PDB file of N, CA and C in Angstrom:
ATOM      1  N   UNK A   1      14.035  19.406   6.171  1.00  0.00           N
ATOM      2  CA  UNK A   1      12.808  18.798   5.690  1.00  0.00           C
ATOM      3  C   UNK A   1      13.134  17.810   4.571  1.00  0.00           C
ATOM      4  N   UNK A   2      12.510  16.656   4.599  1.00  0.00           N
ATOM      5  CA  UNK A   2      12.774  15.641   3.585  1.00  0.00           C
ATOM      6  C   UNK A   2      11.772  15.759   2.447  1.00  0.00           C
ATOM      7  N   UNK A   3      12.219  15.361   1.277  1.00  0.00           N
ATOM      8  CA  UNK A   3      11.336  15.331   0.114  1.00  0.00           C
ATOM      9  C   UNK A   3      10.416  14.122   0.233  1.00  0.00           C
ATOM     10  N   UNK A   4       9.144  14.325  -0.027  1.00  0.00           N
ATOM     11  CA  UNK A   4       8.181  13.221   0.031  1.00  0.00           C
ATOM     12  C   UNK A   4       7.426  13.145  -1.283  1.00  0.00           C
ATOM     13  N   UNK A   5       7.167  11.925  -1.693  1.00  0.00           N
ATOM     14  CA  UNK A   5       6.365  11.716  -2.898  1.00  0.00           C
ATOM     15  C   UNK A   5       4.930  12.146  -2.646  1.00  0.00           C
ATOM     16  N   UNK A   6       4.276  12.717  -3.646  1.00  0.00           N
ATOM     17  CA  UNK A   6       2.840  12.979  -3.493  1.00  0.00           C
ATOM     18  C   UNK A   6       2.107  11.654  -3.260  1.00  0.00           C
ATOM     19  N   UNK A   7       1.088  11.692  -2.452  1.00  0.00           N
ATOM     20  CA  UNK A   7       0.348  10.477  -2.103  1.00  0.00           C
ATOM     21  C   UNK A   7      -0.190   9.780  -3.344  1.00  0.00           C
ATOM     22  N   UNK A   8      -0.615  10.553  -4.326  1.00  0.00           N
ATOM     23  CA  UNK A   8      -1.146   9.974  -5.561  1.00  0.00           C
ATOM     24  C   UNK A   8      -0.116   9.051  -6.224  1.00  0.00           C
ATOM     25  N   UNK A   9       1.159   9.450  -6.239  1.00  0.00           N
ATOM     26  CA  UNK A   9       2.212   8.607  -6.820  1.00  0.00           C
ATOM     27  C   UNK A   9       2.495   7.389  -5.945  1.00  0.00           C
ATOM     28  N   UNK A  10       2.464   7.585  -4.642  1.00  0.00           N
ATOM     29  CA  UNK A  10       2.658   6.477  -3.716  1.00  0.00           C
ATOM     30  C   UNK A  10       1.575   5.415  -3.914  1.00  0.00           C
ATOM     31  N   UNK A  11       0.329   5.861  -4.027  1.00  0.00           N
ATOM     32  CA  UNK A  11      -0.791   4.938  -4.240  1.00  0.00           C
ATOM     33  C   UNK A  11      -0.658   4.238  -5.592  1.00  0.00           C
ATOM     34  N   UNK A  12      -0.261   4.977  -6.619  1.00  0.00           N
ATOM     35  CA  UNK A  12      -0.068   4.367  -7.941  1.00  0.00           C
ATOM     36  C   UNK A  12       0.981   3.252  -7.860  1.00  0.00           C
ATOM     37  N   UNK A  13       2.031   3.484  -7.083  1.00  0.00           N
ATOM     38  CA  UNK A  13       3.049   2.455  -6.878  1.00  0.00           C
ATOM     39  C   UNK A  13       2.491   1.238  -6.161  1.00  0.00           C
ATOM     40  N   UNK A  14       1.657   1.473  -5.146  1.00  0.00           N
ATOM     41  CA  UNK A  14       1.019   0.362  -4.429  1.00  0.00           C
ATOM     42  C   UNK A  14       0.158  -0.465  -5.383  1.00  0.00           C
ATOM     43  N   UNK A  15      -0.612   0.224  -6.224  1.00  0.00           N
ATOM     44  CA  UNK A  15      -1.484  -0.486  -7.167  1.00  0.00           C
ATOM     45  C   UNK A  15      -0.665  -1.321  -8.149  1.00  0.00           C
ATOM     46  N   UNK A  16       0.445  -0.776  -8.616  1.00  0.00           N
ATOM     47  CA  UNK A  16       1.304  -1.525  -9.545  1.00  0.00           C
ATOM     48  C   UNK A  16       1.926  -2.749  -8.868  1.00  0.00           C
ATOM     49  N   UNK A  17       2.343  -2.580  -7.611  1.00  0.00           N
ATOM     50  CA  UNK A  17       2.905  -3.721  -6.880  1.00  0.00           C
ATOM     51  C   UNK A  17       1.889  -4.855  -6.805  1.00  0.00           C
ATOM     52  N   UNK A  18       0.658  -4.511  -6.498  1.00  0.00           N
ATOM     53  CA  UNK A  18      -0.391  -5.532  -6.394  1.00  0.00           C
ATOM     54  C   UNK A  18      -0.673  -6.161  -7.751  1.00  0.00           C
ATOM     55  N   UNK A  19      -0.748  -5.341  -8.785  1.00  0.00           N
ATOM     56  CA  UNK A  19      -1.017  -5.864 -10.128  1.00  0.00           C
ATOM     57  C   UNK A  19       0.086  -6.832 -10.556  1.00  0.00           C
ATOM     58  N   UNK A  20       1.331  -6.499 -10.248  1.00  0.00           N
ATOM     59  CA  UNK A  20       2.456  -7.356 -10.622  1.00  0.00           C
ATOM     60  C   UNK A  20       2.409  -8.703  -9.906  1.00  0.00           C
ATOM     61  N   UNK A  21       1.784  -8.749  -8.735  1.00  0.00           N
ATOM     62  CA  UNK A  21       1.694  -9.991  -7.957  1.00  0.00           C
ATOM     63  C   UNK A  21       0.300 -10.616  -8.021  1.00  0.00           C
ATOM     64  N   UNK A  22      -0.540 -10.097  -8.910  1.00  0.00           N
ATOM     65  CA  UNK A  22      -1.912 -10.602  -9.090  1.00  0.00           C
ATOM     66  C   UNK A  22      -2.711 -10.564  -7.786  1.00  0.00           C
ATOM     67  N   UNK A  23      -2.532  -9.490  -7.022  1.00  0.00           N
ATOM     68  CA  UNK A  23      -3.284  -9.290  -5.783  1.00  0.00           C
ATOM     69  C   UNK A  23      -4.419  -8.321  -6.084  1.00  0.00           C
ATOM     70  N   UNK A  24      -5.670  -8.724  -5.869  1.00  0.00           N
ATOM     71  CA  UNK A  24      -6.790  -7.814  -6.114  1.00  0.00           C
ATOM     72  C   UNK A  24      -6.725  -6.605  -5.168  1.00  0.00           C
ATOM     73  N   UNK A  25      -6.840  -5.418  -5.739  1.00  0.00           N
ATOM     74  CA  UNK A  25      -6.758  -4.178  -4.965  1.00  0.00           C
ATOM     75  C   UNK A  25      -7.723  -3.157  -5.562  1.00  0.00           C
ATOM     76  N   UNK A  26      -8.333  -2.341  -4.700  1.00  0.00           N
ATOM     77  CA  UNK A  26      -9.324  -1.360  -5.132  1.00  0.00           C
ATOM     78  C   UNK A  26      -9.120  -0.059  -4.366  1.00  0.00           C
ATOM     79  N   UNK A  27      -9.367   1.052  -5.021  1.00  0.00           N
ATOM     80  CA  UNK A  27      -9.389   2.331  -4.318  1.00  0.00           C
ATOM     81  C   UNK A  27     -10.816   2.544  -3.841  1.00  0.00           C
ATOM     82  N   UNK A  28     -11.006   2.547  -2.531  1.00  0.00           N
ATOM     83  CA  UNK A  28     -12.321   2.737  -1.925  1.00  0.00           C
ATOM     84  C   UNK A  28     -12.644   4.222  -1.831  1.00  0.00           C
ATOM     85  N   UNK A  29     -11.632   5.023  -1.495  1.00  0.00           N
ATOM     86  CA  UNK A  29     -11.810   6.475  -1.408  1.00  0.00           C
ATOM     87  C   UNK A  29     -10.537   7.150  -1.891  1.00  0.00           C
ATOM     88  N   UNK A  30     -10.698   8.053  -2.851  1.00  0.00           N
ATOM     89  CA  UNK A  30      -9.566   8.782  -3.400  1.00  0.00           C
ATOM     90  C   UNK A  30      -9.397  10.071  -2.615  1.00  0.00           C
ATOM     91  N   UNK A  31      -8.244  10.235  -1.992  1.00  0.00           N
ATOM     92  CA  UNK A  31      -7.977  11.401  -1.166  1.00  0.00           C
ATOM     93  C   UNK A  31      -7.240  12.491  -1.917  1.00  0.00           C
ATOM     94  N   UNK A  32      -6.587  13.350  -1.170  1.00  0.00           N
ATOM     95  CA  UNK A  32      -5.849  14.477  -1.744  1.00  0.00           C
ATOM     96  C   UNK A  32      -4.651  13.963  -2.543  1.00  0.00           C
ATOM     97  N   UNK A  33      -4.470  14.458  -3.760  1.00  0.00           N
ATOM     98  CA  UNK A  33      -3.375  13.973  -4.597  1.00  0.00           C
ATOM     99  C   UNK A  33      -1.987  14.217  -4.008  1.00  0.00           C
ATOM    100  N   UNK A  34      -1.802  15.327  -3.330  1.00  0.00           N
ATOM    101  CA  UNK A  34      -0.463  15.697  -2.884  1.00  0.00           C
ATOM    102  C   UNK A  34      -0.123  15.256  -1.467  1.00  0.00           C
ATOM    103  N   UNK A  35      -1.087  15.262  -0.563  1.00  0.00           N
ATOM    104  CA  UNK A  35      -0.695  15.109   0.839  1.00  0.00           C
ATOM    105  C   UNK A  35      -1.659  14.301   1.693  1.00  0.00           C
ATOM    106  N   UNK A  36      -2.460  13.452   1.115  1.00  0.00           N
ATOM    107  CA  UNK A  36      -3.363  12.639   1.931  1.00  0.00           C
ATOM    108  C   UNK A  36      -2.625  11.491   2.599  1.00  0.00           C
ATOM    109  N   UNK A  37      -3.208  10.954   3.655  1.00  0.00           N
ATOM    110  CA  UNK A  37      -2.660   9.759   4.289  1.00  0.00           C
ATOM    111  C   UNK A  37      -3.291   8.530   3.636  1.00  0.00           C
ATOM    112  N   UNK A  38      -2.788   7.348   3.972  1.00  0.00           N
ATOM    113  CA  UNK A  38      -3.288   6.112   3.374  1.00  0.00           C
ATOM    114  C   UNK A  38      -3.789   5.180   4.475  1.00  0.00           C
ATOM    115  N   UNK A  39      -4.983   4.638   4.278  1.00  0.00           N
ATOM    116  CA  UNK A  39      -5.533   3.607   5.149  1.00  0.00           C
ATOM    117  C   UNK A  39      -5.755   2.359   4.306  1.00  0.00           C
ATOM    118  N   UNK A  40      -5.259   1.229   4.796  1.00  0.00           N
ATOM    119  CA  UNK A  40      -5.469  -0.050   4.111  1.00  0.00           C
ATOM    120  C   UNK A  40      -6.605  -0.802   4.773  1.00  0.00           C
ATOM    121  N   UNK A  41      -7.444  -1.391   3.947  1.00  0.00           N
ATOM    122  CA  UNK A  41      -8.508  -2.281   4.412  1.00  0.00           C
ATOM    123  C   UNK A  41      -8.165  -3.648   3.837  1.00  0.00           C
ATOM    124  N   UNK A  42      -7.554  -4.507   4.655  1.00  0.00           N
ATOM    125  CA  UNK A  42      -7.164  -5.840   4.210  1.00  0.00           C
ATOM    126  C   UNK A  42      -8.327  -6.794   4.442  1.00  0.00           C
ATOM    127  N   UNK A  43      -8.943  -7.251   3.358  1.00  0.00           N
ATOM    128  CA  UNK A  43     -10.096  -8.156   3.436  1.00  0.00           C
ATOM    129  C   UNK A  43      -9.589  -9.594   3.444  1.00  0.00           C
ATOM    130  N   UNK A  44      -9.830 -10.285   4.549  1.00  0.00           N
ATOM    131  CA  UNK A  44      -9.362 -11.657   4.707  1.00  0.00           C
ATOM    132  C   UNK A  44     -10.392 -12.658   4.198  1.00  0.00           C
ATOM    133  N   UNK A  45      -9.930 -13.864   3.950  1.00  0.00           N
ATOM    134  CA  UNK A  45     -10.777 -14.926   3.413  1.00  0.00           C
ATOM    135  C   UNK A  45     -11.942 -15.269   4.341  1.00  0.00           C
ATOM    136  N   UNK A  46     -11.735 -15.143   5.659  1.00  0.00           N
ATOM    137  CA  UNK A  46     -12.784 -15.494   6.623  1.00  0.00           C
ATOM    138  C   UNK A  46     -13.792 -14.359   6.849  1.00  0.00           C
ATOM    139  N   UNK A  47     -13.765 -13.357   6.004  1.00  0.00           N
ATOM    140  CA  UNK A  47     -14.673 -12.195   6.047  1.00  0.00           C
ATOM    141  C   UNK A  47     -14.324 -11.190   7.144  1.00  0.00           C
ATOM    142  N   UNK A  48     -13.223 -11.402   7.856  1.00  0.00           N
ATOM    143  CA  UNK A  48     -12.786 -10.391   8.812  1.00  0.00           C
ATOM    144  C   UNK A  48     -11.924  -9.368   8.066  1.00  0.00           C
ATOM    145  N   UNK A  49     -11.624  -8.268   8.728  1.00  0.00           N
ATOM    146  CA  UNK A  49     -10.896  -7.171   8.094  1.00  0.00           C
ATOM    147  C   UNK A  49      -9.785  -6.702   9.028  1.00  0.00           C
ATOM    148  N   UNK A  50      -8.662  -6.366   8.436  1.00  0.00           N
ATOM    149  CA  UNK A  50      -7.553  -5.768   9.182  1.00  0.00           C
ATOM    150  C   UNK A  50      -7.374  -4.354   8.635  1.00  0.00           C
ATOM    151  N   UNK A  51      -7.393  -3.375   9.518  1.00  0.00           N
ATOM    152  CA  UNK A  51      -7.207  -1.980   9.120  1.00  0.00           C
ATOM    153  C   UNK A  51      -5.800  -1.556   9.513  1.00  0.00           C
ATOM    154  N   UNK A  52      -5.092  -0.920   8.590  1.00  0.00           N
ATOM    155  CA  UNK A  52      -3.768  -0.375   8.864  1.00  0.00           C
ATOM    156  C   UNK A  52      -3.714   1.060   8.358  1.00  0.00           C
ATOM    157  N   UNK A  53      -3.274   1.961   9.215  1.00  0.00           N
ATOM    158  CA  UNK A  53      -3.099   3.362   8.838  1.00  0.00           C
ATOM    159  C   UNK A  53      -1.619   3.632   8.626  1.00  0.00           C
ATOM    160  N   UNK A  54      -1.306   4.299   7.522  1.00  0.00           N
ATOM    161  CA  UNK A  54       0.081   4.647   7.267  1.00  0.00           C
ATOM    162  C   UNK A  54       0.483   5.788   8.198  1.00  0.00           C
ATOM    163  N   UNK A  55       1.666   5.667   8.761  1.00  0.00           N
ATOM    164  CA  UNK A  55       2.177   6.717   9.639  1.00  0.00           C
ATOM    165  C   UNK A  55       3.699   6.727   9.541  1.00  0.00           C
ATOM    166  N   UNK A  56       4.311   7.652  10.221  1.00  0.00           N
ATOM    167  CA  UNK A  56       5.773   7.754  10.230  1.00  0.00           C
ATOM    168  C   UNK A  56       6.286   7.609  11.655  1.00  0.00           C
ATOM    169  N   UNK A  57       7.476   7.035  11.768  1.00  0.00           N
ATOM    170  CA  UNK A  57       8.087   6.948  13.090  1.00  0.00           C
ATOM    171  C   UNK A  57       8.842   8.246  13.382  1.00  0.00           C
ATOM    172  N   UNK A  58       9.545   8.294  14.491  1.00  0.00           N
ATOM    173  CA  UNK A  58      10.248   9.513  14.906  1.00  0.00           C
ATOM    174  C   UNK A  58      11.343   9.927  13.921  1.00  0.00           C
ATOM    175  N   UNK A  59      11.844   8.968  13.140  1.00  0.00           N
ATOM    176  CA  UNK A  59      12.879   9.268  12.154  1.00  0.00           C
ATOM    177  C   UNK A  59      12.308   9.585  10.781  1.00  0.00           C
ATOM    178  N   UNK A  60      10.990   9.574  10.647  1.00  0.00           N
ATOM    179  CA  UNK A  60      10.346   9.881   9.378  1.00  0.00           C
ATOM    180  C   UNK A  60      10.146   8.690   8.467  1.00  0.00           C
ATOM    181  N   UNK A  61      10.435   7.481   8.954  1.00  0.00           N
ATOM    182  CA  UNK A  61      10.256   6.279   8.139  1.00  0.00           C
ATOM    183  C   UNK A  61       8.786   5.882   8.089  1.00  0.00           C
ATOM    184  N   UNK A  62       8.332   5.506   6.890  1.00  0.00           N
ATOM    185  CA  UNK A  62       6.946   5.075   6.739  1.00  0.00           C
ATOM    186  C   UNK A  62       6.727   3.714   7.379  1.00  0.00           C
ATOM    187  N   UNK A  63       5.573   3.565   7.984  1.00  0.00           N
ATOM    188  CA  UNK A  63       5.174   2.298   8.576  1.00  0.00           C
ATOM    189  C   UNK A  63       3.666   2.272   8.694  1.00  0.00           C
ATOM    190  N   UNK A  64       3.149   1.311   9.439  1.00  0.00           N
ATOM    191  CA  UNK A  64       1.706   1.113   9.545  1.00  0.00           C
ATOM    192  C   UNK A  64       1.321   0.864  10.993  1.00  0.00           C
ATOM    193  N   UNK A  65       0.128   1.312  11.377  1.00  0.00           N
ATOM    194  CA  UNK A  65      -0.373   0.975  12.709  1.00  0.00           C
ATOM    195  C   UNK A  65      -1.816   0.513  12.609  1.00  0.00           C
ATOM    196  N   UNK A  66      -2.168  -0.376  13.524  1.00  0.00           N
ATOM    197  CA  UNK A  66      -3.517  -0.926  13.592  1.00  0.00           C
ATOM    198  C   UNK A  66      -4.283  -0.130  14.645  1.00  0.00           C
ATOM    199  N   UNK A  67      -5.394   0.516  14.277  1.00  0.00           N
ATOM    200  CA  UNK A  67      -6.125   1.350  15.234  1.00  0.00           C
ATOM    201  C   UNK A  67      -6.971   0.564  16.235  1.00  0.00           C
ATOM    202  N   UNK A  68      -7.049  -0.750  16.079  1.00  0.00           N
ATOM    203  CA  UNK A  68      -7.886  -1.571  16.952  1.00  0.00           C
ATOM    204  C   UNK A  68      -7.042  -2.379  17.930  1.00  0.00           C
ATOM    205  N   UNK A  69      -7.655  -2.769  19.040  1.00  0.00           N
ATOM    206  CA  UNK A  69      -6.974  -3.613  20.025  1.00  0.00           C
ATOM    207  C   UNK A  69      -6.745  -5.020  19.490  1.00  0.00           C
ATOM    208  N   UNK A  70      -7.675  -5.500  18.673  1.00  0.00           N
ATOM    209  CA  UNK A  70      -7.549  -6.844  18.107  1.00  0.00           C
ATOM    210  C   UNK A  70      -6.894  -6.765  16.731  1.00  0.00           C
ATOM    211  N   UNK A  71      -6.333  -7.877  16.309  1.00  0.00           N
ATOM    212  CA  UNK A  71      -5.666  -7.946  15.006  1.00  0.00           C
ATOM    213  C   UNK A  71      -6.645  -7.683  13.862  1.00  0.00           C
ATOM    214  N   UNK A  72      -7.836  -8.289  13.940  1.00  0.00           N
ATOM    215  CA  UNK A  72      -8.852  -8.110  12.906  1.00  0.00           C
ATOM    216  C   UNK A  72     -10.181  -7.737  13.553  1.00  0.00           C
ATOM    217  N   UNK A  73     -11.075  -7.195  12.722  1.00  0.00           N
ATOM    218  CA  UNK A  73     -12.426  -6.840  13.174  1.00  0.00           C
ATOM    219  C   UNK A  73     -13.415  -7.312  12.119  1.00  0.00           C
ATOM    220  N   UNK A  74     -14.712  -7.287  12.457  1.00  0.00           N
ATOM    221  CA  UNK A  74     -15.707  -7.673  11.458  1.00  0.00           C
ATOM    222  C   UNK A  74     -15.897  -6.529  10.456  1.00  0.00           C
ATOM    223  N   UNK A  75     -16.513  -6.854   9.317  1.00  0.00           N
ATOM    224  CA  UNK A  75     -16.673  -5.879   8.239  1.00  0.00           C
ATOM    225  C   UNK A  75     -17.453  -4.642   8.668  1.00  0.00           C
ATOM    226  N   UNK A  76     -18.487  -4.830   9.487  1.00  0.00           N
ATOM    227  CA  UNK A  76     -19.310  -3.707   9.924  1.00  0.00           C
ATOM    228  C   UNK A  76     -18.482  -2.701  10.718  1.00  0.00           C
ATOM    229  N   UNK A  77     -17.686  -3.203  11.637  1.00  0.00           N
ATOM    230  CA  UNK A  77     -16.851  -2.309  12.456  1.00  0.00           C
ATOM    231  C   UNK A  77     -15.778  -1.624  11.605  1.00  0.00           C
ATOM    232  N   UNK A  78     -15.188  -2.360  10.681  1.00  0.00           N
ATOM    233  CA  UNK A  78     -14.170  -1.784   9.800  1.00  0.00           C
ATOM    234  C   UNK A  78     -14.766  -0.690   8.924  1.00  0.00           C
ATOM    235  N   UNK A  79     -15.934  -0.956   8.349  1.00  0.00           N
ATOM    236  CA  UNK A  79     -16.573   0.039   7.486  1.00  0.00           C
ATOM    237  C   UNK A  79     -16.974   1.287   8.261  1.00  0.00           C
ATOM    238  N   UNK A  80     -17.448   1.118   9.495  1.00  0.00           N
ATOM    239  CA  UNK A  80     -17.801   2.268  10.334  1.00  0.00           C
ATOM    240  C   UNK A  80     -16.557   3.103  10.632  1.00  0.00           C
ATOM    241  N   UNK A  81     -15.442   2.438  10.909  1.00  0.00           N
ATOM    242  CA  UNK A  81     -14.188   3.147  11.171  1.00  0.00           C
ATOM    243  C   UNK A  81     -13.769   3.958   9.944  1.00  0.00           C
ATOM    244  N   UNK A  82     -13.850   3.332   8.767  1.00  0.00           N
ATOM    245  CA  UNK A  82     -13.444   4.012   7.536  1.00  0.00           C
ATOM    246  C   UNK A  82     -14.360   5.199   7.244  1.00  0.00           C
ATOM    247  N   UNK A  83     -15.663   5.033   7.425  1.00  0.00           N
ATOM    248  CA  UNK A  83     -16.596   6.146   7.211  1.00  0.00           C
ATOM    249  C   UNK A  83     -16.265   7.321   8.121  1.00  0.00           C
ATOM    250  N   UNK A  84     -15.964   7.049   9.374  1.00  0.00           N
ATOM    251  CA  UNK A  84     -15.598   8.121  10.312  1.00  0.00           C
ATOM    252  C   UNK A  84     -14.280   8.774   9.911  1.00  0.00           C
ATOM    253  N   UNK A  85     -13.324   7.965   9.480  1.00  0.00           N
ATOM    254  CA  UNK A  85     -12.019   8.495   9.081  1.00  0.00           C
ATOM    255  C   UNK A  85     -12.151   9.430   7.877  1.00  0.00           C
ATOM    256  N   UNK A  86     -12.957   9.035   6.897  1.00  0.00           N
ATOM    257  CA  UNK A  86     -13.160   9.862   5.705  1.00  0.00           C
ATOM    258  C   UNK A  86     -13.940  11.129   6.051  1.00  0.00           C
ATOM    259  N   UNK A  87     -14.926  11.010   6.937  1.00  0.00           N
ATOM    260  CA  UNK A  87     -15.692  12.192   7.356  1.00  0.00           C
ATOM    261  C   UNK A  87     -14.793  13.182   8.100  1.00  0.00           C
ATOM    262  N   UNK A  88     -13.879  12.665   8.907  1.00  0.00           N
ATOM    263  CA  UNK A  88     -12.969  13.502   9.689  1.00  0.00           C
ATOM    264  C   UNK A  88     -11.888  14.121   8.800  1.00  0.00           C
ATOM    265  N   UNK A  89     -11.399  13.337   7.817  1.00  0.00           N
ATOM    266  CA  UNK A  89     -10.321  13.797   6.946  1.00  0.00           C
ATOM    267  C   UNK A  89     -10.577  13.319   5.520  1.00  0.00           C
ATOM    268  N   UNK A  90     -11.254  14.134   4.704  1.00  0.00           N
ATOM    269  CA  UNK A  90     -11.560  13.717   3.329  1.00  0.00           C
ATOM    270  C   UNK A  90     -10.324  13.536   2.446  1.00  0.00           C
ATOM    271  N   UNK A  91      -9.152  13.966   2.930  1.00  0.00           N
ATOM    272  CA  UNK A  91      -7.921  13.807   2.157  1.00  0.00           C
ATOM    273  C   UNK A  91      -7.345  12.397   2.222  1.00  0.00           C
ATOM    274  N   UNK A  92      -7.868  11.555   3.112  1.00  0.00           N
ATOM    275  CA  UNK A  92      -7.343  10.204   3.293  1.00  0.00           C
ATOM    276  C   UNK A  92      -7.661   9.331   2.073  1.00  0.00           C
ATOM    277  N   UNK A  93      -6.700   8.505   1.702  1.00  0.00           N
ATOM    278  CA  UNK A  93      -6.900   7.494   0.667  1.00  0.00           C
ATOM    279  C   UNK A  93      -7.223   6.184   1.374  1.00  0.00           C
ATOM    280  N   UNK A  94      -8.241   5.482   0.894  1.00  0.00           N
ATOM    281  CA  UNK A  94      -8.583   4.174   1.452  1.00  0.00           C
ATOM    282  C   UNK A  94      -8.414   3.141   0.344  1.00  0.00           C
ATOM    283  N   UNK A  95      -7.543   2.177   0.592  1.00  0.00           N
ATOM    284  CA  UNK A  95      -7.246   1.134  -0.388  1.00  0.00           C
ATOM    285  C   UNK A  95      -7.655  -0.208   0.203  1.00  0.00           C
ATOM    286  N   UNK A  96      -8.437  -0.967  -0.551  1.00  0.00           N
ATOM    287  CA  UNK A  96      -8.813  -2.313  -0.115  1.00  0.00           C
ATOM    288  C   UNK A  96      -7.963  -3.330  -0.855  1.00  0.00           C
ATOM    289  N   UNK A  97      -7.404  -4.255  -0.097  1.00  0.00           N
ATOM    290  CA  UNK A  97      -6.575  -5.317  -0.652  1.00  0.00           C
ATOM    291  C   UNK A  97      -7.164  -6.645  -0.207  1.00  0.00           C
ATOM    292  N   UNK A  98      -7.379  -7.554  -1.155  1.00  0.00           N
ATOM    293  CA  UNK A  98      -7.820  -8.899  -0.794  1.00  0.00           C
ATOM    294  C   UNK A  98      -6.586  -9.680  -0.360  1.00  0.00           C
ATOM    295  N   UNK A  99      -6.576 -10.066   0.905  1.00  0.00           N
ATOM    296  CA  UNK A  99      -5.411 -10.718   1.496  1.00  0.00           C
ATOM    297  C   UNK A  99      -5.863 -11.972   2.229  1.00  0.00           C
ATOM    298  N   UNK A 100      -5.545 -13.121   1.682  1.00  0.00           N
ATOM    299  CA  UNK A 100      -5.993 -14.382   2.279  1.00  0.00           C
ATOM    300  C   UNK A 100      -5.509 -14.541   3.716  1.00  0.00           C
ATOM    301  N   UNK A 101      -4.292 -14.078   3.995  1.00  0.00           N
ATOM    302  CA  UNK A 101      -3.700 -14.281   5.321  1.00  0.00           C
ATOM    303  C   UNK A 101      -3.583 -13.002   6.153  1.00  0.00           C
ATOM    304  N   UNK A 102      -4.042 -11.870   5.631  1.00  0.00           N
ATOM    305  CA  UNK A 102      -3.984 -10.618   6.384  1.00  0.00           C
ATOM    306  C   UNK A 102      -2.640  -9.926   6.345  1.00  0.00           C
ATOM    307  N   UNK A 103      -1.759 -10.412   5.513  1.00  0.00           N
ATOM    308  CA  UNK A 103      -0.426  -9.819   5.407  1.00  0.00           C
ATOM    309  C   UNK A 103      -0.476  -8.535   4.579  1.00  0.00           C
ATOM    310  N   UNK A 104       0.217  -7.513   5.048  1.00  0.00           N
ATOM    311  CA  UNK A 104       0.310  -6.245   4.329  1.00  0.00           C
ATOM    312  C   UNK A 104       1.273  -6.424   3.154  1.00  0.00           C
ATOM    313  N   UNK A 105       0.828  -6.169   1.914  1.00  0.00           N
ATOM    314  CA  UNK A 105       1.703  -6.382   0.766  1.00  0.00           C
ATOM    315  C   UNK A 105       2.689  -5.240   0.519  1.00  0.00           C
ATOM    316  N   UNK A 106       2.639  -4.186   1.329  1.00  0.00           N
ATOM    317  CA  UNK A 106       3.470  -3.011   1.094  1.00  0.00           C
ATOM    318  C   UNK A 106       4.570  -2.874   2.140  1.00  0.00           C
ATOM    319  N   UNK A 107       5.582  -2.089   1.796  1.00  0.00           N
ATOM    320  CA  UNK A 107       6.721  -1.869   2.683  1.00  0.00           C
ATOM    321  C   UNK A 107       6.317  -1.141   3.952  1.00  0.00           C
ATOM    322  N   UNK A 108       7.111  -1.335   4.964  1.00  0.00           N
ATOM    323  CA  UNK A 108       6.919  -0.616   6.215  1.00  0.00           C
ATOM    324  C   UNK A 108       6.594  -1.555   7.349  1.00  0.00           C
ATOM    325  N   UNK A 109       7.222  -1.296   8.482  1.00  0.00           N
ATOM    326  CA  UNK A 109       6.959  -2.146   9.642  1.00  0.00           C
ATOM    327  C   UNK A 109       5.656  -1.728  10.315  1.00  0.00           C
ATOM    328  N   UNK A 110       5.133  -2.619  11.122  1.00  0.00           N
ATOM    329  CA  UNK A 110       3.933  -2.332  11.904  1.00  0.00           C
ATOM    330  C   UNK A 110       4.391  -1.714  13.220  1.00  0.00           C
ATOM    331  N   UNK A 111       3.912  -0.521  13.501  1.00  0.00           N
ATOM    332  CA  UNK A 111       4.279   0.168  14.751  1.00  0.00           C
ATOM    333  C   UNK A 111       3.415  -0.331  15.880  1.00  0.00           C
TER     334      UNK A 111
END
């Protein structure tokens, strides 16, 4: 079994990375401090949204996956997805990042 950082520390690191690069970031929903998952809500300039869920590959490496067939969705659909995700798993952390181009500012490949 590998040692993993508590999600609260991981999120704190994400927030610091954004602050250091002057990227606006907000915690939309605070999940479980020790073991919650992370969902990113990337708000694009054109008012569309890209959702990325943090996950691990078969080797345990952190990465991200998009739960939608399309690259981006409208705000209403993104918010409905997030509401369902939080209702299903209140331990999830939801972080909103203002991203002009939809690029994920955090480490990890897109699965």
